[in-house]
Amino acid sequence: MLARLHETQPGRVIEVDLDDEDGMMIYEAELATPDGRLIEVEIDAASGRILALDEEDGD
């Protein structure tokens, strides 16, 4: 899962959680990009498909 994430979004993984969202297991990963942005990514735990990628607001 982390290797696939790094293929699309480089950065250092800060935190990973596994959650059950309506019967679907979802990894929620937070990473810091090389340029200092914080990105939150939701990944389907079964397929490894990235479901959402959002930049966190720094305010």
N, C-alpha and C. Protein backbone atom coordinates (compact mmCIF):
# COMPACT_ATOMS: atom_id res chain seq x y z
N MET A 1 0.83 -1.19 0.00
CA MET A 1 0.00 0.00 0.00
C MET A 1 0.87 1.24 0.00
N LEU A 2 1.89 1.29 0.83
CA LEU A 2 2.74 2.48 0.90
C LEU A 2 3.56 2.66 -0.38
N ALA A 3 3.98 1.56 -0.98
CA ALA A 3 4.74 1.66 -2.24
C ALA A 3 3.87 2.28 -3.33
N ARG A 4 2.63 1.86 -3.42
CA ARG A 4 1.71 2.42 -4.42
C ARG A 4 1.47 3.90 -4.14
N LEU A 5 1.34 4.26 -2.88
CA LEU A 5 1.13 5.66 -2.52
C LEU A 5 2.32 6.50 -2.96
N HIS A 6 3.53 6.03 -2.72
CA HIS A 6 4.73 6.78 -3.09
C HIS A 6 4.89 6.93 -4.60
N GLU A 7 4.29 6.02 -5.38
CA GLU A 7 4.33 6.15 -6.83
C GLU A 7 3.58 7.38 -7.30
N THR A 8 2.50 7.72 -6.62
CA THR A 8 1.66 8.84 -7.04
C THR A 8 1.89 10.10 -6.23
N GLN A 9 2.32 9.96 -4.98
CA GLN A 9 2.49 11.12 -4.11
C GLN A 9 3.74 10.94 -3.25
N PRO A 10 4.85 11.54 -3.67
CA PRO A 10 6.07 11.41 -2.86
C PRO A 10 5.93 12.16 -1.54
N GLY A 11 6.60 11.66 -0.53
CA GLY A 11 6.58 12.32 0.77
C GLY A 11 6.86 11.33 1.88
N ARG A 12 6.92 11.87 3.08
CA ARG A 12 7.19 11.07 4.27
C ARG A 12 5.88 10.79 4.97
N VAL A 13 5.59 9.51 5.19
CA VAL A 13 4.35 9.11 5.87
C VAL A 13 4.46 9.47 7.34
N ILE A 14 3.48 10.20 7.83
CA ILE A 14 3.45 10.63 9.22
C ILE A 14 2.56 9.71 10.05
N GLU A 15 1.42 9.32 9.47
CA GLU A 15 0.46 8.51 10.22
C GLU A 15 -0.39 7.70 9.24
N VAL A 16 -0.76 6.48 9.65
CA VAL A 16 -1.66 5.64 8.87
C VAL A 16 -2.68 5.03 9.83
N ASP A 17 -3.95 5.13 9.47
CA ASP A 17 -5.04 4.51 10.24
C ASP A 17 -5.83 3.62 9.31
N LEU A 18 -6.41 2.57 9.85
CA LEU A 18 -7.30 1.70 9.09
C LEU A 18 -8.69 1.84 9.70
N ASP A 19 -9.66 2.27 8.88
CA ASP A 19 -11.02 2.52 9.37
C ASP A 19 -12.02 1.72 8.55
N ASP A 20 -13.12 1.38 9.19
CA ASP A 20 -14.25 0.73 8.53
C ASP A 20 -15.28 1.81 8.23
N GLU A 21 -15.46 2.11 6.94
CA GLU A 21 -16.43 3.11 6.52
C GLU A 21 -17.55 2.40 5.75
N ASP A 22 -18.67 2.18 6.44
CA ASP A 22 -19.83 1.52 5.85
C ASP A 22 -19.48 0.16 5.26
N GLY A 23 -18.67 -0.62 5.98
CA GLY A 23 -18.30 -1.96 5.55
C GLY A 23 -17.12 -2.02 4.61
N MET A 24 -16.56 -0.89 4.26
CA MET A 24 -15.38 -0.83 3.37
C MET A 24 -14.17 -0.42 4.20
N MET A 25 -13.12 -1.23 4.16
CA MET A 25 -11.92 -0.92 4.92
C MET A 25 -11.09 0.11 4.14
N ILE A 26 -10.78 1.21 4.81
CA ILE A 26 -10.08 2.34 4.19
C ILE A 26 -8.85 2.69 5.01
N TYR A 27 -7.70 2.79 4.33
CA TYR A 27 -6.52 3.35 4.96
C TYR A 27 -6.59 4.86 4.82
N GLU A 28 -6.34 5.55 5.92
CA GLU A 28 -6.19 7.00 5.88
C GLU A 28 -4.75 7.32 6.23
N ALA A 29 -4.03 7.87 5.28
CA ALA A 29 -2.61 8.17 5.48
C ALA A 29 -2.40 9.67 5.43
N GLU A 30 -1.53 10.15 6.29
CA GLU A 30 -1.14 11.55 6.27
C GLU A 30 0.34 11.60 5.93
N LEU A 31 0.70 12.44 4.95
CA LEU A 31 2.11 12.56 4.61
C LEU A 31 2.53 14.00 4.44
N ALA A 32 3.83 14.21 4.65
CA ALA A 32 4.45 15.50 4.43
C ALA A 32 5.23 15.41 3.12
N THR A 33 4.92 16.31 2.20
CA THR A 33 5.59 16.31 0.90
C THR A 33 6.97 16.94 1.03
N PRO A 34 7.84 16.71 0.05
CA PRO A 34 9.18 17.30 0.10
C PRO A 34 9.16 18.83 0.19
N ASP A 35 8.08 19.47 -0.32
CA ASP A 35 8.01 20.93 -0.25
C ASP A 35 7.25 21.43 0.99
N GLY A 36 6.96 20.51 1.95
CA GLY A 36 6.41 20.91 3.24
C GLY A 36 4.89 20.92 3.36
N ARG A 37 4.17 20.50 2.34
CA ARG A 37 2.71 20.45 2.43
C ARG A 37 2.28 19.17 3.15
N LEU A 38 1.12 19.22 3.80
CA LEU A 38 0.52 18.04 4.43
C LEU A 38 -0.60 17.55 3.54
N ILE A 39 -0.57 16.26 3.21
CA ILE A 39 -1.54 15.64 2.33
C ILE A 39 -2.22 14.50 3.08
N GLU A 40 -3.55 14.41 2.97
CA GLU A 40 -4.28 13.28 3.52
C GLU A 40 -4.81 12.45 2.36
N VAL A 41 -4.56 11.14 2.43
CA VAL A 41 -4.93 10.24 1.35
C VAL A 41 -5.81 9.12 1.91
N GLU A 42 -6.90 8.82 1.20
CA GLU A 42 -7.75 7.67 1.54
C GLU A 42 -7.53 6.60 0.49
N ILE A 43 -7.26 5.37 0.95
CA ILE A 43 -6.93 4.26 0.06
C ILE A 43 -7.81 3.07 0.39
N ASP A 44 -8.39 2.46 -0.64
CA ASP A 44 -9.17 1.24 -0.47
C ASP A 44 -8.22 0.13 -0.03
N ALA A 45 -8.43 -0.42 1.16
CA ALA A 45 -7.52 -1.43 1.71
C ALA A 45 -7.54 -2.72 0.89
N ALA A 46 -8.65 -3.03 0.24
CA ALA A 46 -8.75 -4.27 -0.53
C ALA A 46 -8.02 -4.18 -1.87
N SER A 47 -8.17 -3.06 -2.56
CA SER A 47 -7.61 -2.95 -3.91
C SER A 47 -6.34 -2.10 -3.99
N GLY A 48 -6.13 -1.24 -2.99
CA GLY A 48 -5.00 -0.33 -3.02
C GLY A 48 -5.27 0.92 -3.84
N ARG A 49 -6.50 1.06 -4.33
CA ARG A 49 -6.86 2.22 -5.15
C ARG A 49 -6.99 3.47 -4.29
N ILE A 50 -6.41 4.58 -4.76
CA ILE A 50 -6.52 5.85 -4.05
C ILE A 50 -7.92 6.41 -4.30
N LEU A 51 -8.64 6.66 -3.20
CA LEU A 51 -10.01 7.14 -3.28
C LEU A 51 -10.09 8.65 -3.19
N ALA A 52 -9.22 9.25 -2.40
CA ALA A 52 -9.23 10.71 -2.21
C ALA A 52 -7.84 11.16 -1.82
N LEU A 53 -7.51 12.35 -2.27
CA LEU A 53 -6.22 12.97 -1.94
C LEU A 53 -6.49 14.44 -1.69
N ASP A 54 -6.31 14.88 -0.47
CA ASP A 54 -6.63 16.25 -0.09
C ASP A 54 -5.45 16.90 0.61
N GLU A 55 -5.19 18.14 0.23
CA GLU A 55 -4.16 18.90 0.91
C GLU A 55 -4.80 19.52 2.15
N GLU A 56 -4.14 19.36 3.29
CA GLU A 56 -4.66 19.92 4.53
C GLU A 56 -4.35 21.40 4.59
N ASP A 57 -5.29 22.15 5.12
CA ASP A 57 -5.12 23.60 5.26
C ASP A 57 -4.16 23.89 6.39
N GLY A 58 -3.16 24.70 6.14
CA GLY A 58 -2.15 25.00 7.14
C GLY A 58 -2.55 26.02 8.17
N ASP A 59 -3.76 26.58 8.08
CA ASP A 59 -4.19 27.62 9.03
C ASP A 59 -4.62 27.05 10.35
